N, C-alpha and C. Protein backbone atom coordinates (compact mmCIF):
# COMPACT_ATOMS: atom_id res chain seq x y z
N MET A 1 69.71 79.14 107.17
CA MET A 1 70.93 78.45 107.56
C MET A 1 70.70 77.62 108.83
N ARG A 2 70.02 78.23 109.81
CA ARG A 2 69.74 77.54 111.08
C ARG A 2 68.90 76.29 110.83
N ASN A 3 67.88 76.41 109.96
CA ASN A 3 67.03 75.26 109.64
C ASN A 3 67.82 74.14 108.96
N LEU A 4 68.76 74.53 108.11
CA LEU A 4 69.60 73.55 107.43
C LEU A 4 70.46 72.80 108.44
N LEU A 5 71.03 73.52 109.40
CA LEU A 5 71.85 72.91 110.44
C LEU A 5 71.03 71.93 111.27
N ILE A 6 69.83 72.32 111.66
CA ILE A 6 68.95 71.44 112.43
C ILE A 6 68.62 70.19 111.62
N PHE A 7 68.32 70.38 110.32
CA PHE A 7 68.02 69.24 109.46
C PHE A 7 69.20 68.29 109.36
N LEU A 8 70.42 68.83 109.18
CA LEU A 8 71.62 68.00 109.07
C LEU A 8 71.89 67.23 110.36
N LEU A 9 71.72 67.89 111.50
CA LEU A 9 71.90 67.21 112.79
C LEU A 9 70.87 66.10 112.96
N PHE A 10 69.63 66.38 112.58
CA PHE A 10 68.56 65.39 112.70
C PHE A 10 68.82 64.18 111.81
N THR A 11 69.20 64.43 110.55
CA THR A 11 69.42 63.32 109.61
C THR A 11 70.66 62.52 109.99
N SER A 12 71.72 63.18 110.47
CA SER A 12 72.91 62.43 110.88
C SER A 12 72.61 61.59 112.12
N SER A 13 71.74 62.09 113.00
CA SER A 13 71.33 61.32 114.17
C SER A 13 70.53 60.09 113.75
N LEU A 14 69.63 60.27 112.77
CA LEU A 14 68.85 59.13 112.26
C LEU A 14 69.75 58.10 111.61
N THR A 15 70.73 58.57 110.84
CA THR A 15 71.67 57.66 110.17
C THR A 15 72.46 56.86 111.19
N PHE A 16 72.98 57.55 112.23
CA PHE A 16 73.73 56.86 113.27
C PHE A 16 72.85 55.84 113.98
N SER A 17 71.61 56.23 114.30
CA SER A 17 70.69 55.33 115.00
C SER A 17 70.40 54.09 114.17
N GLN A 18 70.19 54.26 112.86
CA GLN A 18 69.92 53.12 111.99
C GLN A 18 71.13 52.21 111.87
N GLN A 19 72.32 52.81 111.76
CA GLN A 19 73.55 52.01 111.71
C GLN A 19 73.73 51.23 113.00
N SER A 20 73.49 51.90 114.12
CA SER A 20 73.61 51.26 115.42
C SER A 20 72.62 50.10 115.54
N LYS A 21 71.38 50.33 115.10
CA LYS A 21 70.37 49.28 115.17
C LYS A 21 70.76 48.09 114.31
N ASN A 22 71.22 48.33 113.09
CA ASN A 22 71.63 47.24 112.20
C ASN A 22 72.80 46.46 112.80
N GLU A 23 73.75 47.19 113.38
CA GLU A 23 74.91 46.55 114.01
C GLU A 23 74.47 45.68 115.18
N VAL A 24 73.56 46.18 115.99
CA VAL A 24 73.06 45.43 117.14
C VAL A 24 72.32 44.18 116.69
N LEU A 25 71.45 44.30 115.70
CA LEU A 25 70.69 43.14 115.22
C LEU A 25 71.62 42.07 114.66
N THR A 26 72.67 42.48 113.97
CA THR A 26 73.67 41.54 113.45
C THR A 26 74.39 40.85 114.61
N TYR A 27 74.77 41.64 115.61
CA TYR A 27 75.44 41.10 116.81
C TYR A 27 74.54 40.10 117.53
N GLN A 28 73.28 40.45 117.73
CA GLN A 28 72.35 39.58 118.45
C GLN A 28 72.11 38.28 117.69
N LYS A 29 72.03 38.35 116.37
CA LYS A 29 71.84 37.13 115.57
C LYS A 29 73.05 36.21 115.70
N ALA A 30 74.25 36.79 115.64
CA ALA A 30 75.48 36.00 115.76
C ALA A 30 75.57 35.36 117.15
N LEU A 31 75.19 36.11 118.18
CA LEU A 31 75.20 35.58 119.54
C LEU A 31 74.22 34.41 119.66
N ASN A 32 73.03 34.60 119.13
CA ASN A 32 72.01 33.55 119.17
C ASN A 32 72.47 32.32 118.40
N ASP A 33 73.03 32.53 117.21
CA ASP A 33 73.51 31.42 116.39
C ASP A 33 74.59 30.61 117.11
N SER A 34 75.43 31.30 117.89
CA SER A 34 76.51 30.60 118.59
C SER A 34 75.97 29.60 119.61
N TYR A 35 74.77 29.86 120.16
CA TYR A 35 74.18 28.94 121.12
C TYR A 35 73.65 27.67 120.45
N PHE A 36 73.37 27.76 119.17
CA PHE A 36 72.88 26.59 118.44
C PHE A 36 74.00 25.83 117.72
N ASP A 37 75.18 26.44 117.66
CA ASP A 37 76.31 25.83 116.97
C ASP A 37 76.98 24.82 117.90
N ALA A 38 77.02 23.56 117.48
CA ALA A 38 77.56 22.49 118.32
C ALA A 38 79.01 22.74 118.75
N LYS A 39 79.78 23.46 117.93
CA LYS A 39 81.19 23.71 118.25
C LYS A 39 81.37 24.89 119.20
N GLU A 40 80.40 25.78 119.26
CA GLU A 40 80.53 26.99 120.07
C GLU A 40 79.65 27.02 121.32
N THR A 41 78.55 26.32 121.30
CA THR A 41 77.56 26.46 122.35
C THR A 41 78.10 26.10 123.74
N PRO A 42 77.68 26.84 124.74
CA PRO A 42 78.02 26.45 126.13
C PRO A 42 77.05 25.39 126.65
N LEU A 43 75.98 25.15 125.90
CA LEU A 43 74.92 24.25 126.36
C LEU A 43 75.30 22.79 126.18
N LYS A 44 74.80 21.98 127.08
CA LYS A 44 74.97 20.53 126.98
C LYS A 44 73.97 20.01 125.94
N PRO A 45 74.25 18.85 125.31
CA PRO A 45 73.36 18.33 124.26
C PRO A 45 71.90 18.25 124.69
N GLU A 46 71.65 17.82 125.92
CA GLU A 46 70.27 17.71 126.38
C GLU A 46 69.62 19.08 126.61
N GLU A 47 70.45 20.12 126.81
CA GLU A 47 69.92 21.48 126.98
C GLU A 47 69.58 22.12 125.64
N ILE A 48 70.37 21.83 124.62
CA ILE A 48 70.12 22.40 123.29
C ILE A 48 68.74 21.98 122.77
N VAL A 49 68.37 20.73 123.09
CA VAL A 49 67.08 20.20 122.62
C VAL A 49 65.92 21.09 123.08
N HIS A 50 66.03 21.63 124.31
CA HIS A 50 64.95 22.44 124.89
C HIS A 50 65.19 23.94 124.76
N PHE A 51 66.30 24.31 124.11
CA PHE A 51 66.66 25.73 123.98
C PHE A 51 65.96 26.34 122.77
N ASN A 52 65.21 27.40 122.99
CA ASN A 52 64.45 28.05 121.91
C ASN A 52 65.11 29.31 121.38
N GLY A 53 66.30 29.60 121.88
CA GLY A 53 66.99 30.81 121.44
C GLY A 53 66.97 31.90 122.49
N LEU A 54 67.90 32.81 122.37
CA LEU A 54 67.97 33.95 123.28
C LEU A 54 66.83 34.92 123.00
N VAL A 55 66.41 35.60 124.03
CA VAL A 55 65.33 36.59 123.91
C VAL A 55 65.95 37.96 124.19
N PHE A 56 65.58 38.94 123.37
CA PHE A 56 66.13 40.28 123.52
C PHE A 56 65.01 41.30 123.66
N TYR A 57 65.30 42.37 124.39
CA TYR A 57 64.42 43.54 124.36
C TYR A 57 64.45 44.10 122.94
N GLU A 58 63.40 44.81 122.57
CA GLU A 58 63.43 45.54 121.30
C GLU A 58 64.59 46.54 121.34
N TYR A 59 65.19 46.77 120.19
CA TYR A 59 66.27 47.75 120.13
C TYR A 59 65.78 49.07 120.72
N ASN A 60 66.60 49.67 121.58
CA ASN A 60 66.20 50.89 122.29
C ASN A 60 67.33 51.91 122.18
N ALA A 61 67.13 52.93 121.35
CA ALA A 61 68.16 53.96 121.12
C ALA A 61 68.46 54.77 122.38
N ASP A 62 67.56 54.77 123.35
CA ASP A 62 67.79 55.51 124.60
C ASP A 62 68.94 54.92 125.40
N PHE A 63 69.29 53.67 125.10
CA PHE A 63 70.36 52.99 125.83
C PHE A 63 71.64 52.87 125.00
N VAL A 64 71.76 53.76 124.03
CA VAL A 64 73.03 53.96 123.33
C VAL A 64 73.52 55.32 123.78
N VAL A 65 74.51 55.34 124.66
CA VAL A 65 74.90 56.59 125.32
C VAL A 65 76.38 56.88 125.13
N LEU A 66 76.69 58.15 125.10
CA LEU A 66 78.08 58.58 125.03
C LEU A 66 78.62 58.62 126.46
N ALA A 67 79.70 57.88 126.69
CA ALA A 67 80.26 57.79 128.04
C ALA A 67 81.66 58.40 128.07
N LYS A 68 81.95 59.07 129.16
CA LYS A 68 83.30 59.59 129.38
C LYS A 68 84.06 58.57 130.23
N LEU A 69 85.26 58.22 129.79
CA LEU A 69 86.09 57.27 130.51
C LEU A 69 87.15 58.00 131.31
N GLU A 70 87.10 57.83 132.62
CA GLU A 70 88.15 58.36 133.49
C GLU A 70 89.07 57.20 133.85
N LYS A 71 90.27 57.21 133.29
CA LYS A 71 91.22 56.13 133.54
C LYS A 71 91.76 56.22 134.97
N LEU A 72 91.96 55.06 135.57
CA LEU A 72 92.52 54.97 136.91
C LEU A 72 93.99 54.59 136.81
N GLU A 73 94.80 55.19 137.61
CA GLU A 73 96.24 54.93 137.57
C GLU A 73 96.68 54.11 138.77
N ASN A 74 97.71 53.33 138.59
CA ASN A 74 98.36 52.56 139.67
C ASN A 74 97.39 51.66 140.43
N GLU A 75 96.44 51.07 139.70
CA GLU A 75 95.49 50.16 140.33
C GLU A 75 96.15 48.81 140.59
N LYS A 76 95.85 48.24 141.74
CA LYS A 76 96.39 46.93 142.09
C LYS A 76 95.48 45.83 141.56
N THR A 77 96.07 44.68 141.32
CA THR A 77 95.30 43.51 140.93
C THR A 77 94.39 43.12 142.08
N PHE A 78 93.15 42.72 141.75
CA PHE A 78 92.26 42.20 142.78
C PHE A 78 91.61 40.92 142.28
N GLN A 79 91.08 40.16 143.20
CA GLN A 79 90.45 38.89 142.89
C GLN A 79 88.94 39.10 142.75
N MET A 80 88.43 38.95 141.52
CA MET A 80 86.99 39.06 141.31
C MET A 80 86.36 37.69 141.54
N PRO A 81 85.39 37.61 142.47
CA PRO A 81 84.72 36.32 142.73
C PRO A 81 83.95 35.85 141.50
N THR A 82 83.79 34.54 141.38
CA THR A 82 83.03 33.96 140.28
C THR A 82 82.00 32.98 140.84
N SER A 83 81.12 32.55 139.96
CA SER A 83 80.05 31.62 140.35
C SER A 83 80.58 30.27 140.80
N SER A 84 81.78 29.90 140.36
CA SER A 84 82.36 28.60 140.72
C SER A 84 83.13 28.65 142.03
N GLY A 85 83.34 29.86 142.56
CA GLY A 85 84.12 30.00 143.77
C GLY A 85 85.60 30.24 143.49
N LYS A 86 86.00 30.12 142.23
CA LYS A 86 87.39 30.40 141.85
C LYS A 86 87.51 31.87 141.48
N ASN A 87 88.38 32.57 142.16
CA ASN A 87 88.58 33.99 141.86
C ASN A 87 89.44 34.16 140.61
N GLN A 88 89.24 35.28 139.92
CA GLN A 88 90.02 35.60 138.73
C GLN A 88 90.72 36.94 138.93
N ASP A 89 91.90 37.07 138.32
CA ASP A 89 92.70 38.30 138.46
C ASP A 89 92.17 39.40 137.53
N TYR A 90 91.78 40.50 138.13
CA TYR A 90 91.29 41.66 137.40
C TYR A 90 91.98 42.92 137.91
N LYS A 91 91.87 43.96 137.11
CA LYS A 91 92.33 45.29 137.53
C LYS A 91 91.26 46.29 137.12
N ARG A 92 90.97 47.23 138.00
CA ARG A 92 90.06 48.32 137.63
C ARG A 92 90.79 49.20 136.62
N TYR A 93 90.16 49.40 135.45
CA TYR A 93 90.80 50.20 134.41
C TYR A 93 90.33 51.65 134.46
N GLY A 94 89.05 51.84 134.76
CA GLY A 94 88.53 53.19 134.77
C GLY A 94 87.08 53.26 135.21
N ILE A 95 86.54 54.46 135.17
CA ILE A 95 85.15 54.70 135.53
C ILE A 95 84.47 55.36 134.33
N LEU A 96 83.35 54.78 133.93
CA LEU A 96 82.55 55.33 132.83
C LEU A 96 81.45 56.19 133.41
N LYS A 97 81.32 57.41 132.90
CA LYS A 97 80.29 58.34 133.35
C LYS A 97 79.39 58.66 132.17
N PHE A 98 78.08 58.56 132.39
CA PHE A 98 77.12 58.76 131.30
C PHE A 98 75.77 59.16 131.87
N ASN A 99 74.86 59.47 130.95
CA ASN A 99 73.55 59.96 131.34
C ASN A 99 72.47 59.18 130.59
N ILE A 100 71.45 58.72 131.32
CA ILE A 100 70.29 58.07 130.73
C ILE A 100 69.04 58.72 131.31
N TYR A 101 68.13 59.16 130.45
CA TYR A 101 66.89 59.80 130.87
C TYR A 101 67.13 60.93 131.87
N GLY A 102 68.21 61.69 131.67
CA GLY A 102 68.49 62.84 132.52
C GLY A 102 69.15 62.49 133.85
N GLN A 103 69.44 61.23 134.08
CA GLN A 103 70.11 60.81 135.32
C GLN A 103 71.57 60.49 135.02
N ASN A 104 72.46 60.90 135.91
CA ASN A 104 73.88 60.61 135.77
C ASN A 104 74.21 59.27 136.42
N PHE A 105 75.02 58.49 135.74
CA PHE A 105 75.42 57.18 136.25
C PHE A 105 76.92 56.99 136.09
N GLU A 106 77.45 56.07 136.89
CA GLU A 106 78.86 55.68 136.81
C GLU A 106 78.96 54.17 136.92
N LEU A 107 79.86 53.59 136.12
CA LEU A 107 80.15 52.16 136.21
C LEU A 107 81.66 51.97 136.15
N GLU A 108 82.16 51.05 136.95
CA GLU A 108 83.57 50.68 136.85
C GLU A 108 83.74 49.71 135.69
N VAL A 109 84.87 49.83 135.01
CA VAL A 109 85.19 48.92 133.91
C VAL A 109 86.53 48.25 134.24
N TYR A 110 86.66 46.98 133.86
CA TYR A 110 87.78 46.16 134.33
C TYR A 110 88.56 45.53 133.19
N GLN A 111 89.78 45.12 133.52
CA GLN A 111 90.59 44.30 132.62
C GLN A 111 90.81 42.95 133.27
N ASN A 112 90.53 41.88 132.51
CA ASN A 112 90.87 40.52 132.94
C ASN A 112 92.34 40.32 132.58
N LEU A 113 93.19 40.16 133.59
CA LEU A 113 94.64 40.17 133.35
C LEU A 113 95.13 38.97 132.55
N ASN A 114 94.39 37.88 132.54
CA ASN A 114 94.76 36.73 131.71
C ASN A 114 94.28 36.94 130.28
N LEU A 115 93.07 37.47 130.13
CA LEU A 115 92.50 37.64 128.80
C LEU A 115 93.29 38.63 127.95
N ILE A 116 93.76 39.73 128.55
CA ILE A 116 94.44 40.76 127.75
C ILE A 116 95.81 40.30 127.25
N LYS A 117 96.26 39.14 127.69
CA LYS A 117 97.52 38.58 127.17
C LYS A 117 97.30 37.84 125.85
N ARG A 118 96.04 37.55 125.52
CA ARG A 118 95.72 36.83 124.29
C ARG A 118 95.67 37.78 123.10
N LYS A 119 96.11 37.27 121.97
CA LYS A 119 96.11 38.07 120.75
C LYS A 119 94.67 38.47 120.39
N GLY A 120 94.49 39.75 120.10
CA GLY A 120 93.19 40.26 119.74
C GLY A 120 92.39 40.80 120.92
N TYR A 121 92.87 40.55 122.14
CA TYR A 121 92.15 41.00 123.34
C TYR A 121 92.95 42.03 124.14
N GLU A 122 94.01 42.55 123.57
CA GLU A 122 94.88 43.47 124.30
C GLU A 122 94.14 44.72 124.78
N LYS A 123 93.11 45.15 124.04
CA LYS A 123 92.38 46.38 124.39
C LYS A 123 91.00 46.08 125.00
N HIS A 124 90.79 44.82 125.36
CA HIS A 124 89.47 44.41 125.87
C HIS A 124 89.20 44.96 127.27
N LEU A 125 87.98 45.46 127.45
CA LEU A 125 87.50 45.89 128.76
C LEU A 125 86.22 45.15 129.08
N PHE A 126 86.06 44.80 130.32
CA PHE A 126 84.92 44.02 130.80
C PHE A 126 84.02 44.91 131.65
N LEU A 127 82.73 44.95 131.28
CA LEU A 127 81.78 45.81 132.00
C LEU A 127 80.58 45.00 132.46
N PRO A 128 80.62 44.49 133.69
CA PRO A 128 79.45 43.82 134.25
C PRO A 128 78.56 44.84 134.95
N PHE A 129 77.25 44.63 134.92
CA PHE A 129 76.36 45.56 135.62
C PHE A 129 75.09 44.84 136.06
N ILE A 130 74.49 45.40 137.10
CA ILE A 130 73.19 44.96 137.61
C ILE A 130 72.27 46.17 137.52
N ASP A 131 71.00 45.93 137.21
CA ASP A 131 70.05 47.03 137.16
C ASP A 131 68.71 46.55 137.73
N LEU A 132 67.69 47.36 137.62
CA LEU A 132 66.40 47.01 138.24
C LEU A 132 65.65 45.88 137.53
N THR A 133 66.18 45.40 136.40
CA THR A 133 65.59 44.22 135.76
C THR A 133 66.21 42.94 136.31
N SER A 134 67.36 43.04 136.95
CA SER A 134 68.11 41.86 137.40
C SER A 134 67.30 41.05 138.41
N GLY A 135 67.21 39.76 138.14
CA GLY A 135 66.46 38.86 139.02
C GLY A 135 65.00 38.75 138.66
N ASN A 136 64.54 39.60 137.75
CA ASN A 136 63.14 39.57 137.31
C ASN A 136 63.07 39.29 135.81
N GLU A 137 63.47 40.29 135.04
CA GLU A 137 63.43 40.16 133.58
C GLU A 137 64.76 39.67 133.01
N THR A 138 65.83 39.81 133.80
CA THR A 138 67.17 39.41 133.36
C THR A 138 67.83 38.61 134.48
N TYR A 139 68.99 38.06 134.16
CA TYR A 139 69.73 37.21 135.10
C TYR A 139 70.05 37.97 136.39
N GLY A 140 69.83 37.33 137.52
CA GLY A 140 70.00 37.99 138.81
C GLY A 140 71.40 38.46 139.11
N ALA A 141 72.40 37.76 138.59
CA ALA A 141 73.79 38.14 138.86
C ALA A 141 74.30 39.21 137.91
N GLY A 142 73.42 39.69 137.03
CA GLY A 142 73.79 40.80 136.15
C GLY A 142 74.06 40.38 134.73
N ARG A 143 74.33 41.40 133.92
CA ARG A 143 74.67 41.20 132.52
C ARG A 143 76.02 41.82 132.24
N TYR A 144 76.58 41.49 131.07
CA TYR A 144 77.91 41.94 130.71
C TYR A 144 77.88 42.72 129.41
N LEU A 145 78.87 43.60 129.27
CA LEU A 145 79.18 44.26 128.01
C LEU A 145 80.69 44.12 127.78
N ASP A 146 81.06 43.87 126.54
CA ASP A 146 82.47 43.84 126.16
C ASP A 146 82.74 45.09 125.35
N ILE A 147 83.75 45.84 125.75
CA ILE A 147 84.10 47.06 125.03
C ILE A 147 85.62 47.08 124.83
N GLU A 148 86.08 48.04 124.05
CA GLU A 148 87.51 48.19 123.83
C GLU A 148 87.98 49.55 124.34
N ILE A 149 89.24 49.59 124.73
CA ILE A 149 89.83 50.86 125.17
C ILE A 149 89.75 51.85 124.00
N PRO A 150 89.12 52.97 124.19
CA PRO A 150 89.00 53.95 123.09
C PRO A 150 90.29 54.73 122.90
N ASP A 151 90.44 55.31 121.72
CA ASP A 151 91.62 56.15 121.45
C ASP A 151 91.57 57.44 122.26
N GLU A 152 90.35 57.95 122.45
CA GLU A 152 90.16 59.15 123.26
C GLU A 152 89.52 58.72 124.58
N ASN A 153 89.08 59.67 125.39
CA ASN A 153 88.48 59.33 126.68
C ASN A 153 86.96 59.28 126.63
N ILE A 154 86.40 59.11 125.41
CA ILE A 154 84.95 58.95 125.28
C ILE A 154 84.66 57.74 124.39
N LEU A 155 83.49 57.14 124.60
CA LEU A 155 83.10 56.00 123.78
C LEU A 155 81.58 55.85 123.81
N TRP A 156 81.06 55.19 122.78
CA TRP A 156 79.64 54.88 122.74
C TRP A 156 79.42 53.59 123.53
N LEU A 157 78.51 53.64 124.48
CA LEU A 157 78.16 52.50 125.31
C LEU A 157 76.78 52.04 124.84
N ASP A 158 76.70 50.83 124.29
CA ASP A 158 75.45 50.34 123.72
C ASP A 158 74.91 49.17 124.54
N PHE A 159 73.96 49.46 125.41
CA PHE A 159 73.38 48.44 126.27
C PHE A 159 72.52 47.44 125.48
N ASN A 160 72.23 47.72 124.22
CA ASN A 160 71.53 46.76 123.38
C ASN A 160 72.39 45.52 123.13
N LYS A 161 73.70 45.62 123.42
CA LYS A 161 74.61 44.49 123.26
C LYS A 161 74.87 43.77 124.59
N ALA A 162 74.11 44.12 125.62
CA ALA A 162 74.28 43.45 126.92
C ALA A 162 73.85 41.99 126.81
N TYR A 163 74.64 41.13 127.41
CA TYR A 163 74.35 39.69 127.33
C TYR A 163 74.48 39.05 128.71
N HIS A 164 73.86 37.88 128.85
CA HIS A 164 73.98 37.10 130.08
C HIS A 164 75.25 36.25 130.02
N PRO A 165 75.86 35.99 131.18
CA PRO A 165 76.95 35.02 131.19
C PRO A 165 76.39 33.62 130.95
N TYR A 166 77.27 32.69 130.55
CA TYR A 166 76.85 31.31 130.31
C TYR A 166 76.13 30.72 131.52
N CYS A 167 76.50 31.16 132.71
CA CYS A 167 75.92 30.61 133.94
C CYS A 167 74.41 30.84 134.03
N ALA A 168 73.89 31.75 133.25
CA ALA A 168 72.45 31.99 133.25
C ALA A 168 71.69 30.85 132.58
N TYR A 169 72.41 30.05 131.78
CA TYR A 169 71.75 29.01 130.98
C TYR A 169 72.19 27.59 131.30
N THR A 170 73.36 27.44 131.90
CA THR A 170 73.90 26.09 132.12
C THR A 170 74.88 26.11 133.29
N SER A 171 75.34 24.94 133.67
CA SER A 171 76.30 24.82 134.78
C SER A 171 77.69 24.50 134.23
N GLY A 172 78.67 24.56 135.11
CA GLY A 172 80.02 24.18 134.73
C GLY A 172 80.92 25.32 134.30
N TYR A 173 80.44 26.55 134.42
CA TYR A 173 81.25 27.70 134.03
C TYR A 173 81.59 28.55 135.25
N SER A 174 82.64 29.34 135.10
CA SER A 174 83.10 30.21 136.17
C SER A 174 82.86 31.65 135.74
N CYS A 175 81.69 32.18 136.09
CA CYS A 175 81.27 33.51 135.63
C CYS A 175 81.55 34.57 136.70
N PRO A 176 82.21 35.66 136.32
CA PRO A 176 82.46 36.74 137.28
C PRO A 176 81.15 37.27 137.87
N ILE A 177 81.20 37.52 139.17
CA ILE A 177 80.03 38.07 139.87
C ILE A 177 80.15 39.59 139.85
N THR A 178 79.12 40.25 139.39
CA THR A 178 79.14 41.71 139.25
C THR A 178 79.38 42.39 140.60
N PRO A 179 80.40 43.23 140.69
CA PRO A 179 80.64 43.99 141.93
C PRO A 179 79.45 44.88 142.26
N ASP A 180 79.16 45.01 143.55
CA ASP A 180 78.03 45.81 144.01
C ASP A 180 78.07 47.25 143.50
N VAL A 181 79.27 47.78 143.31
CA VAL A 181 79.42 49.18 142.88
C VAL A 181 78.83 49.39 141.48
N ASN A 182 78.66 48.33 140.71
CA ASN A 182 78.15 48.46 139.35
C ASN A 182 76.65 48.22 139.26
N PHE A 183 75.93 48.81 140.19
CA PHE A 183 74.46 48.77 140.19
C PHE A 183 73.91 50.05 139.59
N LEU A 184 73.00 49.88 138.62
CA LEU A 184 72.30 51.02 138.02
C LEU A 184 70.87 51.05 138.56
N ASN A 185 70.50 52.14 139.18
CA ASN A 185 69.17 52.27 139.77
C ASN A 185 68.16 52.70 138.71
N ILE A 186 68.04 51.85 137.69
CA ILE A 186 67.15 52.11 136.55
C ILE A 186 66.92 50.77 135.87
N LYS A 187 65.82 50.65 135.14
CA LYS A 187 65.59 49.45 134.34
C LYS A 187 66.28 49.65 132.98
N VAL A 188 67.26 48.82 132.72
CA VAL A 188 67.95 48.87 131.43
C VAL A 188 67.19 47.95 130.48
N LEU A 189 66.25 48.54 129.76
CA LEU A 189 65.36 47.77 128.87
C LEU A 189 66.00 47.64 127.49
N ALA A 190 67.14 46.97 127.48
CA ALA A 190 67.90 46.77 126.25
C ALA A 190 68.77 45.55 126.44
N GLY A 191 69.10 44.89 125.33
CA GLY A 191 69.96 43.72 125.41
C GLY A 191 69.17 42.44 125.68
N VAL A 192 69.87 41.42 126.13
CA VAL A 192 69.27 40.12 126.34
C VAL A 192 68.41 40.11 127.61
N LYS A 193 67.36 39.30 127.58
CA LYS A 193 66.49 39.13 128.73
C LYS A 193 66.04 37.67 128.78
N PHE A 194 65.28 37.33 129.81
CA PHE A 194 64.74 35.96 129.89
C PHE A 194 63.41 35.89 129.18
């Protein structure tokens, strides 16, 4: 019976990992395609000519982690600085707590108060972060993850879906600058890179 339980846990873990990998590869392809699409791309025509596509780390299951969300109450609106110098209205929604390679980490997650008024974005949460790859293998101002408010207080955090803001590739955008508190003292070898 014990061996059967171990086998079932192992196979369900493999199934989840494969589903996660397939989902990530589909996401990364769609993201890459959007940069080549004339209607969607943030790139200027002269930049598209020299653009060879986004580069990603190999899918890494170690950076798909279960995170506990601690919601924050009565948070005040604050102005998050951006690359253009124009501040944007945000609110701290909660703190995500998770473990990677036996180390405990915390990241603040935010709501863009203008974005959540749009249809389809009511549950959107914004997670910018900086790690030990920032400024070397990835954009110096950090990378972003888009997540949704979970029904419970836990969620899967998949760093394989981490992406650079448009400001990493072109000018003319107002990209939020990652707050210092969202620094991970580890190399997040997942998601988009240079």
